[in-house]
Amino acid sequence: MDRDIFEDMKIETGCAYISDLPYIKEIVERKLFELPFDLYPKEQLQEFCSFVFRDNGAVYQSLMMKYRRDSRYN
């Protein structure tokens, strides 16, 4: 079963509701880079970043760069 980044991040940040995550972007971003994000489907990570950060994908691109840099499979 795939993990759910939305639920995991809700727990990590202590939010009562997923809908609150965009209001604490700084905390979410910090926690996001601490999670083992290779456990989540890339499409879900992209959807999560779009939902929380409502940007043009800059956070997602940073996440993928970190993933490639830290990956044991490079």
C-alpha atoms as a PDB file:
ATOM      1  CA  MET A   1       0.000   0.000   0.000  1.00  0.00           C
ATOM      2  CA  ASP A   2       1.334   3.423  -0.947  1.00  0.00           C
ATOM      3  CA  ARG A   3       1.893   6.007   1.733  1.00  0.00           C
ATOM      4  CA  ASP A   4      -0.077   9.227   1.615  1.00  0.00           C
ATOM      5  CA  ILE A   5       2.033  12.382   1.815  1.00  0.00           C
ATOM      6  CA  PHE A   6      -1.040  14.446   2.697  1.00  0.00           C
ATOM      7  CA  GLU A   7      -1.872  12.346   5.764  1.00  0.00           C
ATOM      8  CA  ASP A   8       1.776  11.928   6.758  1.00  0.00           C
ATOM      9  CA  MET A   9       2.412  15.661   6.566  1.00  0.00           C
ATOM     10  CA  LYS A  10      -0.733  16.387   8.578  1.00  0.00           C
ATOM     11  CA  ILE A  11       0.652  14.165  11.326  1.00  0.00           C
ATOM     12  CA  GLU A  12       4.226  15.514  11.045  1.00  0.00           C
ATOM     13  CA  THR A  13       3.089  19.120  11.402  1.00  0.00           C
ATOM     14  CA  GLY A  14       0.403  18.494  14.004  1.00  0.00           C
ATOM     15  CA  CYS A  15      -2.348  19.961  11.820  1.00  0.00           C
ATOM     16  CA  ALA A  16      -5.901  18.928  12.535  1.00  0.00           C
ATOM     17  CA  TYR A  17      -6.869  19.171   8.858  1.00  0.00           C
ATOM     18  CA  ILE A  18      -5.064  18.735   5.554  1.00  0.00           C
ATOM     19  CA  SER A  19      -6.682  21.971   4.413  1.00  0.00           C
ATOM     20  CA  ASP A  20      -4.605  23.834   7.035  1.00  0.00           C
ATOM     21  CA  LEU A  21      -1.270  22.856   5.456  1.00  0.00           C
ATOM     22  CA  PRO A  22      -1.105  25.802   3.005  1.00  0.00           C
ATOM     23  CA  TYR A  23      -1.259  28.176   5.987  1.00  0.00           C
ATOM     24  CA  ILE A  24       1.960  26.820   7.485  1.00  0.00           C
ATOM     25  CA  LYS A  25       4.076  26.603   4.326  1.00  0.00           C
ATOM     26  CA  GLU A  26       7.399  27.208   6.056  1.00  0.00           C
ATOM     27  CA  ILE A  27       6.888  24.344   8.488  1.00  0.00           C
ATOM     28  CA  VAL A  28       5.595  22.074   5.730  1.00  0.00           C
ATOM     29  CA  GLU A  29       8.595  22.798   3.524  1.00  0.00           C
ATOM     30  CA  ARG A  30      11.037  22.085   6.337  1.00  0.00           C
ATOM     31  CA  LYS A  31       9.273  18.820   7.235  1.00  0.00           C
ATOM     32  CA  LEU A  32       8.939  17.844   3.582  1.00  0.00           C
ATOM     33  CA  PHE A  33      12.697  17.818   3.098  1.00  0.00           C
ATOM     34  CA  GLU A  34      13.102  15.672   6.231  1.00  0.00           C
ATOM     35  CA  LEU A  35      10.715  12.929   5.100  1.00  0.00           C
ATOM     36  CA  PRO A  36      11.859   9.889   3.120  1.00  0.00           C
ATOM     37  CA  PHE A  37      10.024  11.157   0.055  1.00  0.00           C
ATOM     38  CA  ASP A  38      11.138   8.233  -2.080  1.00  0.00           C
ATOM     39  CA  LEU A  39       8.295   6.321  -0.365  1.00  0.00           C
ATOM     40  CA  TYR A  40       5.711   8.467  -2.151  1.00  0.00           C
ATOM     41  CA  PRO A  41       4.681   8.383  -5.810  1.00  0.00           C
ATOM     42  CA  LYS A  42       6.154  11.349  -7.691  1.00  0.00           C
ATOM     43  CA  GLU A  43       2.710  12.328  -8.954  1.00  0.00           C
ATOM     44  CA  GLN A  44       1.455  12.558  -5.375  1.00  0.00           C
ATOM     45  CA  LEU A  45       4.431  14.698  -4.358  1.00  0.00           C
ATOM     46  CA  GLN A  46       3.765  17.025  -7.268  1.00  0.00           C
ATOM     47  CA  GLU A  47       0.076  17.249  -6.352  1.00  0.00           C
ATOM     48  CA  PHE A  48       1.001  17.914  -2.720  1.00  0.00           C
ATOM     49  CA  CYS A  49       3.405  20.717  -3.638  1.00  0.00           C
ATOM     50  CA  SER A  50       0.814  22.309  -5.915  1.00  0.00           C
ATOM     51  CA  PHE A  51      -1.810  22.115  -3.177  1.00  0.00           C
ATOM     52  CA  VAL A  52       0.320  23.508  -0.366  1.00  0.00           C
ATOM     53  CA  PHE A  53       2.577  25.981  -2.141  1.00  0.00           C
ATOM     54  CA  ARG A  54       0.362  26.951  -5.091  1.00  0.00           C
ATOM     55  CA  ASP A  55       3.475  27.784  -7.053  1.00  0.00           C
ATOM     56  CA  ASN A  56       4.848  26.964 -10.460  1.00  0.00           C
ATOM     57  CA  GLY A  57       6.529  23.806  -9.216  1.00  0.00           C
ATOM     58  CA  ALA A  58       9.648  25.364  -7.687  1.00  0.00           C
ATOM     59  CA  VAL A  59       9.350  23.431  -4.420  1.00  0.00           C
ATOM     60  CA  TYR A  60       8.674  20.195  -6.290  1.00  0.00           C
ATOM     61  CA  GLN A  61      11.716  20.772  -8.509  1.00  0.00           C
ATOM     62  CA  SER A  62      13.864  21.422  -5.426  1.00  0.00           C
ATOM     63  CA  LEU A  63      12.553  18.239  -3.877  1.00  0.00           C
ATOM     64  CA  MET A  64      13.407  16.216  -6.989  1.00  0.00           C
ATOM     65  CA  MET A  65      16.897  17.746  -7.143  1.00  0.00           C
ATOM     66  CA  LYS A  66      17.459  16.734  -3.521  1.00  0.00           C
ATOM     67  CA  TYR A  67      16.090  13.266  -4.265  1.00  0.00           C
ATOM     68  CA  ARG A  68      18.477  12.784  -7.180  1.00  0.00           C
ATOM     69  CA  ARG A  69      21.408  14.145  -5.169  1.00  0.00           C
ATOM     70  CA  ASP A  70      20.669  11.969  -2.135  1.00  0.00           C
ATOM     71  CA  SER A  71      19.577   8.865  -4.006  1.00  0.00           C
ATOM     72  CA  ARG A  72      21.627   5.746  -3.517  1.00  0.00           C
ATOM     73  CA  TYR A  73      20.777   4.733  -7.072  1.00  0.00           C
ATOM     74  CA  ASN A  74      22.681   7.523  -8.866  1.00  0.00           C
END
